Amino acid sequence: MEKVSKGDRIKVEYIGSFPEDGEVFDESEGRGPLEFEVGAGQMIKGFDKAVVGMKLNEEKDVTIPPEEAYGSADEGQKIEIPVERIAGQGQEIKVGTPIATTTGQVGKVTAINNGIATLEFVHPMAGRSLHFWIKVVEIEKQ
């Protein structure tokens, strides 16, 4: 029976919860299976790794540490953008200014150099381990 490999397009059913209290933060039920390309960076690292080697209809429970999920709570994703491109803030842009993106991400200005602001976004689940129940429901070999 074929197994999931990097580069395959697969569909999975899943339930994501926090290991410390079992609180469910996301699940595929009611939305249909999640489809993605394995190893293409569309998923958190630990989820991508967990599905490699799984067979069709196989189920797995996996706990993913923060460094393979959304990172530590003290280091976020950093982007650089010209200060004048930070629109609609209605305030002076300086180090420490909170920034909200149109997609709802919240970050802050961590540095300004020659008119270029460094923004840092820390995911709300950064610093947390995540537990997933995963079931592979389709494998499309590439």
Protein backbone atom coordinates (compact mmCIF):
# COMPACT_ATOMS: atom_id res chain seq x y z
CA MET A 1 0.00 0.00 0.00
CA GLU A 2 1.39 3.40 -0.93
CA LYS A 3 2.56 5.78 1.75
CA VAL A 4 2.54 9.57 1.91
CA SER A 5 5.75 11.15 0.58
CA LYS A 6 7.01 14.71 0.32
CA GLY A 7 5.44 16.37 -2.73
CA ASP A 8 2.21 14.34 -2.61
CA ARG A 9 -1.14 16.16 -2.50
CA ILE A 10 -3.15 14.67 0.32
CA LYS A 11 -6.44 15.18 2.13
CA VAL A 12 -6.72 14.66 5.88
CA GLU A 13 -9.39 14.79 8.52
CA TYR A 14 -7.98 16.25 11.74
CA ILE A 15 -8.71 17.54 15.23
CA GLY A 16 -6.26 20.00 16.80
CA SER A 17 -6.26 20.42 20.57
CA PHE A 18 -4.06 21.67 23.37
CA PRO A 19 -2.39 18.72 25.16
CA GLU A 20 -2.60 20.29 28.62
CA ASP A 21 -6.41 20.54 28.75
CA GLY A 22 -7.77 18.87 25.60
CA GLU A 23 -9.41 22.10 24.40
CA VAL A 24 -10.08 21.79 20.65
CA PHE A 25 -8.83 24.82 18.68
CA ASP A 26 -9.49 23.56 15.14
CA GLU A 27 -11.00 20.57 13.32
CA SER A 28 -11.98 19.53 9.82
CA GLU A 29 -15.42 18.22 10.81
CA GLY A 30 -18.16 20.22 9.14
CA ARG A 31 -15.73 21.70 6.60
CA GLY A 32 -14.51 18.63 4.78
CA PRO A 33 -10.96 17.31 4.59
CA LEU A 34 -7.96 19.62 4.55
CA GLU A 35 -5.98 19.37 1.28
CA PHE A 36 -2.31 20.33 1.01
CA GLU A 37 0.99 19.45 -0.63
CA VAL A 38 3.24 17.60 1.79
CA GLY A 39 6.52 19.43 2.49
CA ALA A 40 5.57 22.59 0.56
CA GLY A 41 5.46 24.81 3.67
CA GLN A 42 1.66 25.14 3.62
CA MET A 43 1.41 23.50 7.06
CA ILE A 44 3.32 23.87 10.30
CA LYS A 45 6.54 21.80 10.21
CA GLY A 46 5.42 19.19 12.73
CA PHE A 47 2.16 18.47 10.86
CA ASP A 48 4.05 18.11 7.57
CA LYS A 49 6.49 15.66 9.21
CA ALA A 50 3.72 13.68 10.93
CA VAL A 51 1.92 12.67 7.72
CA VAL A 52 5.03 11.39 5.88
CA GLY A 53 4.90 7.60 5.80
CA MET A 54 1.21 7.35 6.66
CA LYS A 55 -1.02 5.07 4.56
CA LEU A 56 -4.52 5.72 3.20
CA ASN A 57 -7.12 5.65 6.03
CA GLU A 58 -4.37 5.43 8.67
CA GLU A 59 -4.98 7.43 11.86
CA LYS A 60 -2.31 8.96 14.06
CA ASP A 61 -2.06 11.01 17.25
CA VAL A 62 0.87 13.39 17.41
CA THR A 63 2.01 16.12 19.81
CA ILE A 64 3.97 18.89 18.12
CA PRO A 65 6.38 21.05 20.18
CA PRO A 66 6.33 24.86 19.73
CA GLU A 67 9.50 24.89 17.60
CA GLU A 68 7.72 22.70 15.00
CA ALA A 69 4.42 24.58 15.34
CA TYR A 70 4.21 28.37 15.69
CA GLY A 71 7.59 29.01 17.34
CA SER A 72 8.39 30.35 20.77
CA ALA A 73 6.36 33.14 22.29
CA ASP A 74 9.39 35.44 22.36
CA GLU A 75 10.30 35.36 18.67
CA GLY A 76 7.92 36.06 15.85
CA GLN A 77 7.86 36.42 12.11
CA LYS A 78 9.67 39.59 11.06
CA ILE A 79 9.01 41.68 7.97
CA GLU A 80 10.47 44.99 6.83
CA ILE A 81 8.29 47.64 5.24
CA PRO A 82 8.73 51.35 4.48
CA VAL A 83 7.15 53.43 7.26
CA GLU A 84 5.01 55.37 4.74
CA ARG A 85 3.40 52.09 3.63
CA ILE A 86 1.97 51.45 7.09
CA ALA A 87 -1.46 52.81 6.29
CA GLY A 88 -4.39 53.89 8.38
CA GLN A 89 -2.61 53.98 11.70
CA GLY A 90 -3.43 57.64 12.41
CA GLN A 91 -0.48 57.85 14.73
CA GLU A 92 3.24 58.39 14.72
CA ILE A 93 5.02 55.14 13.82
CA LYS A 94 7.76 54.43 16.34
CA VAL A 95 9.35 51.42 18.05
CA GLY A 96 6.66 49.70 20.11
CA THR A 97 3.73 50.91 17.95
CA PRO A 98 1.16 48.09 17.66
CA ILE A 99 0.27 47.20 14.06
CA ALA A 100 -2.77 45.26 12.80
CA THR A 101 -2.80 43.79 9.29
CA THR A 102 -5.83 43.56 7.02
CA THR A 103 -5.85 39.80 7.74
CA GLY A 104 -6.17 40.40 11.49
CA GLN A 105 -2.59 39.62 12.50
CA VAL A 106 -1.36 41.83 15.32
CA GLY A 107 2.26 42.79 15.63
CA LYS A 108 4.47 45.64 16.70
CA VAL A 109 7.25 47.82 15.35
CA THR A 110 10.56 46.52 16.74
CA ALA A 111 12.97 48.80 14.85
CA ILE A 112 13.08 51.71 12.38
CA ASN A 113 16.13 52.29 10.18
CA ASN A 114 16.29 54.87 7.39
CA GLY A 115 12.50 54.93 6.98
CA ILE A 116 12.19 51.12 7.02
CA ALA A 117 10.18 49.66 9.88
CA THR A 118 10.78 46.12 11.14
CA LEU A 119 7.47 44.57 12.19
CA GLU A 120 7.28 41.45 14.32
CA PHE A 121 4.22 39.23 14.42
CA VAL A 122 3.91 36.57 17.11
CA HIS A 123 1.23 33.93 16.43
CA PRO A 124 -1.39 33.64 19.23
CA MET A 125 -0.44 29.95 19.64
CA ALA A 126 3.32 30.62 19.76
CA GLY A 127 5.00 28.91 22.70
CA ARG A 128 2.38 26.14 22.90
CA SER A 129 2.60 22.45 22.10
CA LEU A 130 -0.24 21.24 19.88
CA HIS A 131 -1.88 17.82 19.71
CA PHE A 132 -3.41 16.52 16.48
CA TRP A 133 -5.46 13.47 15.58
CA ILE A 134 -4.86 12.98 11.84
CA LYS A 135 -6.50 10.58 9.37
CA VAL A 136 -5.29 10.40 5.75
CA VAL A 137 -8.35 10.15 3.48
CA GLU A 138 -6.78 10.70 0.05
CA ILE A 139 -3.27 10.47 -1.46
CA GLU A 140 -2.47 11.89 -4.88
CA LYS A 141 1.06 10.84 -5.82
CA GLN A 142 3.13 13.47 -7.69
